[in-house]
Amino acid sequence: LNALAQQADKFAQQQRAKRAAIDAKSRGLTDRQAAREATEQRLKEQYGDNPLALNNVMSEQKKTRAAEDQLRGSWMAGLKSGWSEWKESATDSMSQVK
């Protein structure tokens, strides 16, 4: 019974996060921005009872976002990544045969 209640709570959290993403998209945000808001909503719900833990995870999330944004803004990194993906795909002849 307790496991079922936990499962229901987890499902409710997921649905609230999805609604946060839908709301973000309705305000004209991009998919990435909507996903970020949904993640933030999940973190707030999960760690809301512990302000110190919430502060720590939000801080780490901001660092991750900053690193993602920096990488996304670098055309050279994008070029290298794209070239590596193409090279890997081109040399993987087994998957092309399937």
PDB file of N, CA and C in Angstrom:
ATOM      1  N   LEU A   1       0.827  -1.198   0.000  1.00  0.00           N
ATOM      2  CA  LEU A   1       0.000   0.000   0.000  1.00  0.00           C
ATOM      3  C   LEU A   1       0.868   1.257   0.000  1.00  0.00           C
ATOM      4  N   ASN A   2       1.934   1.242   0.794  1.00  0.00           N
ATOM      5  CA  ASN A   2       2.843   2.376   0.848  1.00  0.00           C
ATOM      6  C   ASN A   2       3.547   2.567  -0.493  1.00  0.00           C
ATOM      7  N   ALA A   3       3.954   1.457  -1.123  1.00  0.00           N
ATOM      8  CA  ALA A   3       4.619   1.536  -2.426  1.00  0.00           C
ATOM      9  C   ALA A   3       3.678   2.115  -3.472  1.00  0.00           C
ATOM     10  N   LEU A   4       2.415   1.746  -3.395  1.00  0.00           N
ATOM     11  CA  LEU A   4       1.424   2.265  -4.334  1.00  0.00           C
ATOM     12  C   LEU A   4       1.235   3.772  -4.144  1.00  0.00           C
ATOM     13  N   ALA A   5       1.227   4.213  -2.914  1.00  0.00           N
ATOM     14  CA  ALA A   5       1.099   5.646  -2.628  1.00  0.00           C
ATOM     15  C   ALA A   5       2.315   6.407  -3.141  1.00  0.00           C
ATOM     16  N   GLN A   6       3.509   5.831  -2.970  1.00  0.00           N
ATOM     17  CA  GLN A   6       4.725   6.465  -3.480  1.00  0.00           C
ATOM     18  C   GLN A   6       4.699   6.548  -5.002  1.00  0.00           C
ATOM     19  N   GLN A   7       4.222   5.483  -5.626  1.00  0.00           N
ATOM     20  CA  GLN A   7       4.122   5.465  -7.081  1.00  0.00           C
ATOM     21  C   GLN A   7       3.138   6.542  -7.559  1.00  0.00           C
ATOM     22  N   ALA A   8       2.032   6.686  -6.861  1.00  0.00           N
ATOM     23  CA  ALA A   8       1.043   7.707  -7.213  1.00  0.00           C
ATOM     24  C   ALA A   8       1.620   9.110  -7.038  1.00  0.00           C
ATOM     25  N   ASP A   9       2.383   9.317  -5.968  1.00  0.00           N
ATOM     26  CA  ASP A   9       3.021  10.617  -5.747  1.00  0.00           C
ATOM     27  C   ASP A   9       4.017  10.935  -6.855  1.00  0.00           C
ATOM     28  N   LYS A  10       4.797   9.939  -7.238  1.00  0.00           N
ATOM     29  CA  LYS A  10       5.781  10.133  -8.305  1.00  0.00           C
ATOM     30  C   LYS A  10       5.079  10.480  -9.617  1.00  0.00           C
ATOM     31  N   PHE A  11       3.995   9.779  -9.911  1.00  0.00           N
ATOM     32  CA  PHE A  11       3.237  10.061 -11.124  1.00  0.00           C
ATOM     33  C   PHE A  11       2.686  11.483 -11.093  1.00  0.00           C
ATOM     34  N   ALA A  12       2.162  11.889  -9.952  1.00  0.00           N
ATOM     35  CA  ALA A  12       1.619  13.244  -9.817  1.00  0.00           C
ATOM     36  C   ALA A  12       2.712  14.284 -10.036  1.00  0.00           C
ATOM     37  N   GLN A  13       3.910  14.035  -9.502  1.00  0.00           N
ATOM     38  CA  GLN A  13       5.037  14.948  -9.715  1.00  0.00           C
ATOM     39  C   GLN A  13       5.372  15.048 -11.196  1.00  0.00           C
ATOM     40  N   GLN A  14       5.410  13.914 -11.874  1.00  0.00           N
ATOM     41  CA  GLN A  14       5.716  13.905 -13.303  1.00  0.00           C
ATOM     42  C   GLN A  14       4.679  14.707 -14.086  1.00  0.00           C
ATOM     43  N   GLN A  15       3.419  14.538 -13.727  1.00  0.00           N
ATOM     44  CA  GLN A  15       2.356  15.253 -14.429  1.00  0.00           C
ATOM     45  C   GLN A  15       2.441  16.759 -14.178  1.00  0.00           C
ATOM     46  N   ARG A  16       2.775  17.156 -12.953  1.00  0.00           N
ATOM     47  CA  ARG A  16       2.930  18.585 -12.673  1.00  0.00           C
ATOM     48  C   ARG A  16       4.097  19.162 -13.463  1.00  0.00           C
ATOM     49  N   ALA A  17       5.177  18.404 -13.595  1.00  0.00           N
ATOM     50  CA  ALA A  17       6.321  18.861 -14.380  1.00  0.00           C
ATOM     51  C   ALA A  17       5.941  18.983 -15.857  1.00  0.00           C
ATOM     52  N   LYS A  18       5.166  18.027 -16.357  1.00  0.00           N
ATOM     53  CA  LYS A  18       4.712  18.107 -17.748  1.00  0.00           C
ATOM     54  C   LYS A  18       3.825  19.333 -17.960  1.00  0.00           C
ATOM     55  N   ARG A  19       2.946  19.595 -17.001  1.00  0.00           N
ATOM     56  CA  ARG A  19       2.086  20.773 -17.118  1.00  0.00           C
ATOM     57  C   ARG A  19       2.908  22.056 -17.074  1.00  0.00           C
ATOM     58  N   ALA A  20       3.976  22.063 -16.292  1.00  0.00           N
ATOM     59  CA  ALA A  20       4.857  23.236 -16.257  1.00  0.00           C
ATOM     60  C   ALA A  20       5.501  23.442 -17.622  1.00  0.00           C
ATOM     61  N   ALA A  21       5.896  22.351 -18.274  1.00  0.00           N
ATOM     62  CA  ALA A  21       6.486  22.451 -19.612  1.00  0.00           C
ATOM     63  C   ALA A  21       5.451  22.937 -20.620  1.00  0.00           C
ATOM     64  N   ILE A  22       4.234  22.431 -20.528  1.00  0.00           N
ATOM     65  CA  ILE A  22       3.164  22.868 -21.431  1.00  0.00           C
ATOM     66  C   ILE A  22       2.887  24.354 -21.230  1.00  0.00           C
ATOM     67  N   ASP A  23       2.833  24.774 -19.974  1.00  0.00           N
ATOM     68  CA  ASP A  23       2.608  26.184 -19.670  1.00  0.00           C
ATOM     69  C   ASP A  23       3.730  27.045 -20.240  1.00  0.00           C
ATOM     70  N   ALA A  24       4.960  26.573 -20.109  1.00  0.00           N
ATOM     71  CA  ALA A  24       6.104  27.322 -20.634  1.00  0.00           C
ATOM     72  C   ALA A  24       6.009  27.458 -22.153  1.00  0.00           C
ATOM     73  N   LYS A  25       5.622  26.379 -22.819  1.00  0.00           N
ATOM     74  CA  LYS A  25       5.486  26.432 -24.275  1.00  0.00           C
ATOM     75  C   LYS A  25       4.347  27.362 -24.682  1.00  0.00           C
ATOM     76  N   SER A  26       3.277  27.382 -23.895  1.00  0.00           N
ATOM     77  CA  SER A  26       2.152  28.270 -24.219  1.00  0.00           C
ATOM     78  C   SER A  26       2.551  29.734 -24.081  1.00  0.00           C
ATOM     79  N   ARG A  27       3.594  30.001 -23.301  1.00  0.00           N
ATOM     80  CA  ARG A  27       4.107  31.368 -23.151  1.00  0.00           C
ATOM     81  C   ARG A  27       5.131  31.705 -24.218  1.00  0.00           C
ATOM     82  N   GLY A  28       5.359  30.772 -25.158  1.00  0.00           N
ATOM     83  CA  GLY A  28       6.258  31.044 -26.271  1.00  0.00           C
ATOM     84  C   GLY A  28       7.702  30.641 -26.040  1.00  0.00           C
ATOM     85  N   LEU A  29       7.966  29.859 -25.011  1.00  0.00           N
ATOM     86  CA  LEU A  29       9.334  29.415 -24.768  1.00  0.00           C
ATOM     87  C   LEU A  29       9.686  28.256 -25.699  1.00  0.00           C
ATOM     88  N   THR A  30      10.964  28.042 -25.906  1.00  0.00           N
ATOM     89  CA  THR A  30      11.421  26.945 -26.753  1.00  0.00           C
ATOM     90  C   THR A  30      11.301  25.621 -26.005  1.00  0.00           C
ATOM     91  N   ASP A  31      11.474  24.521 -26.734  1.00  0.00           N
ATOM     92  CA  ASP A  31      11.437  23.201 -26.098  1.00  0.00           C
ATOM     93  C   ASP A  31      12.490  23.101 -25.000  1.00  0.00           C
ATOM     94  N   ARG A  32      13.674  23.628 -25.258  1.00  0.00           N
ATOM     95  CA  ARG A  32      14.754  23.573 -24.272  1.00  0.00           C
ATOM     96  C   ARG A  32      14.386  24.365 -23.025  1.00  0.00           C
ATOM     97  N   GLN A  33      13.843  25.557 -23.219  1.00  0.00           N
ATOM     98  CA  GLN A  33      13.444  26.375 -22.079  1.00  0.00           C
ATOM     99  C   GLN A  33      12.309  25.714 -21.298  1.00  0.00           C
ATOM    100  N   ALA A  34      11.376  25.110 -22.020  1.00  0.00           N
ATOM    101  CA  ALA A  34      10.264  24.416 -21.358  1.00  0.00           C
ATOM    102  C   ALA A  34      10.775  23.228 -20.553  1.00  0.00           C
ATOM    103  N   ALA A  35      11.720  22.488 -21.122  1.00  0.00           N
ATOM    104  CA  ALA A  35      12.296  21.346 -20.405  1.00  0.00           C
ATOM    105  C   ALA A  35      13.031  21.817 -19.155  1.00  0.00           C
ATOM    106  N   ARG A  36      13.693  22.944 -19.259  1.00  0.00           N
ATOM    107  CA  ARG A  36      14.398  23.484 -18.099  1.00  0.00           C
ATOM    108  C   ARG A  36      13.422  23.869 -16.992  1.00  0.00           C
ATOM    109  N   GLU A  37      12.314  24.475 -17.373  1.00  0.00           N
ATOM    110  CA  GLU A  37      11.310  24.834 -16.367  1.00  0.00           C
ATOM    111  C   GLU A  37      10.699  23.593 -15.729  1.00  0.00           C
ATOM    112  N   ALA A  38      10.477  22.552 -16.541  1.00  0.00           N
ATOM    113  CA  ALA A  38       9.921  21.308 -16.005  1.00  0.00           C
ATOM    114  C   ALA A  38      10.897  20.676 -15.018  1.00  0.00           C
ATOM    115  N   THR A  39      12.178  20.698 -15.352  1.00  0.00           N
ATOM    116  CA  THR A  39      13.194  20.151 -14.452  1.00  0.00           C
ATOM    117  C   THR A  39      13.227  20.944 -13.151  1.00  0.00           C
ATOM    118  N   GLU A  40      13.157  22.254 -13.275  1.00  0.00           N
ATOM    119  CA  GLU A  40      13.157  23.103 -12.084  1.00  0.00           C
ATOM    120  C   GLU A  40      11.942  22.807 -11.202  1.00  0.00           C
ATOM    121  N   GLN A  41      10.796  22.590 -11.836  1.00  0.00           N
ATOM    122  CA  GLN A  41       9.580  22.257 -11.092  1.00  0.00           C
ATOM    123  C   GLN A  41       9.752  20.941 -10.333  1.00  0.00           C
ATOM    124  N   ARG A  42      10.322  19.924 -11.009  1.00  0.00           N
ATOM    125  CA  ARG A  42      10.547  18.629 -10.352  1.00  0.00           C
ATOM    126  C   ARG A  42      11.488  18.774  -9.165  1.00  0.00           C
ATOM    127  N   LEU A  43      12.556  19.544  -9.338  1.00  0.00           N
ATOM    128  CA  LEU A  43      13.511  19.730  -8.246  1.00  0.00           C
ATOM    129  C   LEU A  43      12.860  20.439  -7.059  1.00  0.00           C
ATOM    130  N   LYS A  44      12.057  21.453  -7.343  1.00  0.00           N
ATOM    131  CA  LYS A  44      11.383  22.181  -6.258  1.00  0.00           C
ATOM    132  C   LYS A  44      10.441  21.269  -5.489  1.00  0.00           C
ATOM    133  N   GLU A  45       9.746  20.401  -6.216  1.00  0.00           N
ATOM    134  CA  GLU A  45       8.826  19.489  -5.529  1.00  0.00           C
ATOM    135  C   GLU A  45       9.576  18.427  -4.743  1.00  0.00           C
ATOM    136  N   GLN A  46      10.658  17.940  -5.314  1.00  0.00           N
ATOM    137  CA  GLN A  46      11.395  16.863  -4.659  1.00  0.00           C
ATOM    138  C   GLN A  46      12.161  17.348  -3.432  1.00  0.00           C
ATOM    139  N   TYR A  47      12.727  18.549  -3.507  1.00  0.00           N
ATOM    140  CA  TYR A  47      13.570  19.046  -2.419  1.00  0.00           C
ATOM    141  C   TYR A  47      12.942  20.214  -1.664  1.00  0.00           C
ATOM    142  N   GLY A  48      11.670  20.486  -1.909  1.00  0.00           N
ATOM    143  CA  GLY A  48      11.013  21.640  -1.301  1.00  0.00           C
ATOM    144  C   GLY A  48      11.002  21.629   0.212  1.00  0.00           C
ATOM    145  N   ASP A  49      11.026  20.450   0.810  1.00  0.00           N
ATOM    146  CA  ASP A  49      11.001  20.355   2.270  1.00  0.00           C
ATOM    147  C   ASP A  49      12.361  20.620   2.904  1.00  0.00           C
ATOM    148  N   ASN A  50      13.403  20.660   2.085  1.00  0.00           N
ATOM    149  CA  ASN A  50      14.753  20.849   2.592  1.00  0.00           C
ATOM    150  C   ASN A  50      15.405  22.011   1.833  1.00  0.00           C
ATOM    151  N   PRO A  51      15.291  23.229   2.349  1.00  0.00           N
ATOM    152  CA  PRO A  51      15.806  24.400   1.631  1.00  0.00           C
ATOM    153  C   PRO A  51      17.295  24.325   1.296  1.00  0.00           C
ATOM    154  N   LEU A  52      18.089  23.741   2.172  1.00  0.00           N
ATOM    155  CA  LEU A  52      19.521  23.632   1.906  1.00  0.00           C
ATOM    156  C   LEU A  52      19.778  22.708   0.721  1.00  0.00           C
ATOM    157  N   ALA A  53      19.128  21.556   0.708  1.00  0.00           N
ATOM    158  CA  ALA A  53      19.288  20.620  -0.407  1.00  0.00           C
ATOM    159  C   ALA A  53      18.764  21.237  -1.697  1.00  0.00           C
ATOM    160  N   LEU A  54      17.633  21.937  -1.626  1.00  0.00           N
ATOM    161  CA  LEU A  54      17.076  22.591  -2.808  1.00  0.00           C
ATOM    162  C   LEU A  54      18.053  23.616  -3.354  1.00  0.00           C
ATOM    163  N   ASN A  55      18.637  24.403  -2.475  1.00  0.00           N
ATOM    164  CA  ASN A  55      19.616  25.399  -2.900  1.00  0.00           C
ATOM    165  C   ASN A  55      20.803  24.735  -3.589  1.00  0.00           C
ATOM    166  N   ASN A  56      21.273  23.620  -3.031  1.00  0.00           N
ATOM    167  CA  ASN A  56      22.415  22.916  -3.617  1.00  0.00           C
ATOM    168  C   ASN A  56      22.097  22.364  -5.000  1.00  0.00           C
ATOM    169  N   VAL A  57      20.948  21.701  -5.147  1.00  0.00           N
ATOM    170  CA  VAL A  57      20.629  21.113  -6.453  1.00  0.00           C
ATOM    171  C   VAL A  57      20.331  22.197  -7.485  1.00  0.00           C
ATOM    172  N   MET A  58      19.714  23.292  -7.070  1.00  0.00           N
ATOM    173  CA  MET A  58      19.452  24.379  -8.015  1.00  0.00           C
ATOM    174  C   MET A  58      20.759  25.027  -8.460  1.00  0.00           C
ATOM    175  N   SER A  59      21.699  25.151  -7.549  1.00  0.00           N
ATOM    176  CA  SER A  59      23.007  25.700  -7.893  1.00  0.00           C
ATOM    177  C   SER A  59      23.723  24.803  -8.900  1.00  0.00           C
ATOM    178  N   GLU A  60      23.682  23.502  -8.655  1.00  0.00           N
ATOM    179  CA  GLU A  60      24.311  22.561  -9.588  1.00  0.00           C
ATOM    180  C   GLU A  60      23.605  22.589 -10.946  1.00  0.00           C
ATOM    181  N   GLN A  61      22.292  22.721 -10.924  1.00  0.00           N
ATOM    182  CA  GLN A  61      21.529  22.789 -12.172  1.00  0.00           C
ATOM    183  C   GLN A  61      21.922  24.032 -12.969  1.00  0.00           C
ATOM    184  N   LYS A  62      22.102  25.157 -12.295  1.00  0.00           N
ATOM    185  CA  LYS A  62      22.511  26.393 -12.971  1.00  0.00           C
ATOM    186  C   LYS A  62      23.885  26.238 -13.603  1.00  0.00           C
ATOM    187  N   LYS A  63      24.799  25.562 -12.916  1.00  0.00           N
ATOM    188  CA  LYS A  63      26.136  25.329 -13.472  1.00  0.00           C
ATOM    189  C   LYS A  63      26.056  24.468 -14.727  1.00  0.00           C
ATOM    190  N   THR A  64      25.220  23.437 -14.671  1.00  0.00           N
ATOM    191  CA  THR A  64      25.056  22.560 -15.831  1.00  0.00           C
ATOM    192  C   THR A  64      24.479  23.339 -17.004  1.00  0.00           C
ATOM    193  N   ARG A  65      23.473  24.153 -16.737  1.00  0.00           N
ATOM    194  CA  ARG A  65      22.866  24.958 -17.807  1.00  0.00           C
ATOM    195  C   ARG A  65      23.868  25.927 -18.403  1.00  0.00           C
ATOM    196  N   ALA A  66      24.685  26.535 -17.568  1.00  0.00           N
ATOM    197  CA  ALA A  66      25.694  27.468 -18.064  1.00  0.00           C
ATOM    198  C   ALA A  66      26.689  26.751 -18.970  1.00  0.00           C
ATOM    199  N   ALA A  67      27.094  25.541 -18.574  1.00  0.00           N
ATOM    200  CA  ALA A  67      28.022  24.771 -19.402  1.00  0.00           C
ATOM    201  C   ALA A  67      27.368  24.381 -20.727  1.00  0.00           C
ATOM    202  N   GLU A  68      26.096  23.980 -20.679  1.00  0.00           N
ATOM    203  CA  GLU A  68      25.371  23.640 -21.909  1.00  0.00           C
ATOM    204  C   GLU A  68      25.259  24.855 -22.821  1.00  0.00           C
ATOM    205  N   ASP A  69      24.922  25.999 -22.250  1.00  0.00           N
ATOM    206  CA  ASP A  69      24.772  27.217 -23.043  1.00  0.00           C
ATOM    207  C   ASP A  69      26.097  27.646 -23.656  1.00  0.00           C
ATOM    208  N   GLN A  70      27.166  27.494 -22.901  1.00  0.00           N
ATOM    209  CA  GLN A  70      28.481  27.850 -23.425  1.00  0.00           C
ATOM    210  C   GLN A  70      28.850  26.933 -24.586  1.00  0.00           C
ATOM    211  N   LEU A  71      28.607  25.649 -24.429  1.00  0.00           N
ATOM    212  CA  LEU A  71      28.892  24.701 -25.499  1.00  0.00           C
ATOM    213  C   LEU A  71      28.014  24.984 -26.711  1.00  0.00           C
ATOM    214  N   ARG A  72      26.759  25.273 -26.487  1.00  0.00           N
ATOM    215  CA  ARG A  72      25.820  25.543 -27.573  1.00  0.00           C
ATOM    216  C   ARG A  72      26.231  26.799 -28.336  1.00  0.00           C
ATOM    217  N   GLY A  73      26.832  27.745 -27.653  1.00  0.00           N
ATOM    218  CA  GLY A  73      27.249  28.988 -28.283  1.00  0.00           C
ATOM    219  C   GLY A  73      28.563  28.890 -29.032  1.00  0.00           C
ATOM    220  N   SER A  74      29.232  27.770 -28.920  1.00  0.00           N
ATOM    221  CA  SER A  74      30.532  27.597 -29.576  1.00  0.00           C
ATOM    222  C   SER A  74      30.351  26.882 -30.911  1.00  0.00           C
ATOM    223  N   TRP A  75      30.524  27.608 -32.001  1.00  0.00           N
ATOM    224  CA  TRP A  75      30.356  26.979 -33.313  1.00  0.00           C
ATOM    225  C   TRP A  75      31.453  25.962 -33.576  1.00  0.00           C
ATOM    226  N   MET A  76      32.643  26.182 -33.029  1.00  0.00           N
ATOM    227  CA  MET A  76      33.742  25.238 -33.245  1.00  0.00           C
ATOM    228  C   MET A  76      33.431  23.903 -32.572  1.00  0.00           C
ATOM    229  N   ALA A  77      32.898  23.953 -31.365  1.00  0.00           N
ATOM    230  CA  ALA A  77      32.535  22.708 -30.679  1.00  0.00           C
ATOM    231  C   ALA A  77      31.436  21.989 -31.454  1.00  0.00           C
ATOM    232  N   GLY A  78      30.487  22.736 -31.986  1.00  0.00           N
ATOM    233  CA  GLY A  78      29.426  22.135 -32.790  1.00  0.00           C
ATOM    234  C   GLY A  78      29.965  21.501 -34.053  1.00  0.00           C
ATOM    235  N   LEU A  79      30.903  22.171 -34.679  1.00  0.00           N
ATOM    236  CA  LEU A  79      31.522  21.635 -35.886  1.00  0.00           C
ATOM    237  C   LEU A  79      32.267  20.341 -35.578  1.00  0.00           C
ATOM    238  N   LYS A  80      33.042  20.344 -34.509  1.00  0.00           N
ATOM    239  CA  LYS A  80      33.785  19.139 -34.130  1.00  0.00           C
ATOM    240  C   LYS A  80      32.840  17.991 -33.801  1.00  0.00           C
ATOM    241  N   SER A  81      31.791  18.289 -33.057  1.00  0.00           N
ATOM    242  CA  SER A  81      30.832  17.257 -32.681  1.00  0.00           C
ATOM    243  C   SER A  81      30.125  16.702 -33.908  1.00  0.00           C
ATOM    244  N   GLY A  82      29.703  17.579 -34.800  1.00  0.00           N
ATOM    245  CA  GLY A  82      29.036  17.140 -36.024  1.00  0.00           C
ATOM    246  C   GLY A  82      29.941  16.287 -36.888  1.00  0.00           C
ATOM    247  N   TRP A  83      31.188  16.698 -37.013  1.00  0.00           N
ATOM    248  CA  TRP A  83      32.153  15.934 -37.800  1.00  0.00           C
ATOM    249  C   TRP A  83      32.377  14.555 -37.182  1.00  0.00           C
ATOM    250  N   SER A  84      32.501  14.497 -35.874  1.00  0.00           N
ATOM    251  CA  SER A  84      32.703  13.214 -35.191  1.00  0.00           C
ATOM    252  C   SER A  84      31.493  12.307 -35.357  1.00  0.00           C
ATOM    253  N   GLU A  85      30.295  12.865 -35.260  1.00  0.00           N
ATOM    254  CA  GLU A  85      29.079  12.071 -35.453  1.00  0.00           C
ATOM    255  C   GLU A  85      29.025  11.514 -36.873  1.00  0.00           C
ATOM    256  N   TRP A  86      29.349  12.365 -37.854  1.00  0.00           N
ATOM    257  CA  TRP A  86      29.337  11.919 -39.246  1.00  0.00           C
ATOM    258  C   TRP A  86      30.367  10.816 -39.464  1.00  0.00           C
ATOM    259  N   LYS A  87      31.569  11.014 -38.924  1.00  0.00           N
ATOM    260  CA  LYS A  87      32.640  10.032 -39.081  1.00  0.00           C
ATOM    261  C   LYS A  87      32.227   8.693 -38.479  1.00  0.00           C
ATOM    262  N   GLU A  88      31.648   8.740 -37.292  1.00  0.00           N
ATOM    263  CA  GLU A  88      31.212   7.513 -36.624  1.00  0.00           C
ATOM    264  C   GLU A  88      30.129   6.813 -37.438  1.00  0.00           C
ATOM    265  N   SER A  89      29.200   7.587 -37.952  1.00  0.00           N
ATOM    266  CA  SER A  89      28.118   7.020 -38.754  1.00  0.00           C
ATOM    267  C   SER A  89      28.646   6.444 -40.063  1.00  0.00           C
ATOM    268  N   ALA A  90      29.566   7.142 -40.697  1.00  0.00           N
ATOM    269  CA  ALA A  90      30.095   6.700 -41.987  1.00  0.00           C
ATOM    270  C   ALA A  90      30.942   5.441 -41.857  1.00  0.00           C
ATOM    271  N   THR A  91      31.616   5.289 -40.740  1.00  0.00           N
ATOM    272  CA  THR A  91      32.484   4.120 -40.573  1.00  0.00           C
ATOM    273  C   THR A  91      31.765   2.933 -39.957  1.00  0.00           C
ATOM    274  N   ASP A  92      30.514   3.123 -39.554  1.00  0.00           N
ATOM    275  CA  ASP A  92      29.734   2.032 -38.968  1.00  0.00           C
ATOM    276  C   ASP A  92      28.955   1.333 -40.076  1.00  0.00           C
ATOM    277  N   SER A  93      29.663   0.571 -40.873  1.00  0.00           N
ATOM    278  CA  SER A  93      29.042  -0.063 -42.040  1.00  0.00           C
ATOM    279  C   SER A  93      28.034  -1.135 -41.647  1.00  0.00           C
ATOM    280  N   MET A  94      28.189  -1.731 -40.491  1.00  0.00           N
ATOM    281  CA  MET A  94      27.275  -2.793 -40.081  1.00  0.00           C
ATOM    282  C   MET A  94      25.847  -2.263 -39.910  1.00  0.00           C
ATOM    283  N   SER A  95      25.709  -1.079 -39.319  1.00  0.00           N
ATOM    284  CA  SER A  95      24.363  -0.533 -39.127  1.00  0.00           C
ATOM    285  C   SER A  95      23.747  -0.100 -40.451  1.00  0.00           C
ATOM    286  N   GLN A  96      24.578   0.247 -41.424  1.00  0.00           N
ATOM    287  CA  GLN A  96      24.060   0.656 -42.722  1.00  0.00           C
ATOM    288  C   GLN A  96      23.567  -0.531 -43.533  1.00  0.00           C
ATOM    289  N   VAL A  97      24.070  -1.717 -43.235  1.00  0.00           N
ATOM    290  CA  VAL A  97      23.683  -2.919 -43.964  1.00  0.00           C
ATOM    291  C   VAL A  97      22.317  -3.407 -43.509  1.00  0.00           C
ATOM    292  N   LYS A  98      21.970  -3.160 -42.257  1.00  0.00           N
ATOM    293  CA  LYS A  98      20.712  -3.671 -41.689  1.00  0.00           C
ATOM    294  C   LYS A  98      19.498  -3.146 -42.390  1.00  0.00           C
TER     295      LYS A  98
END
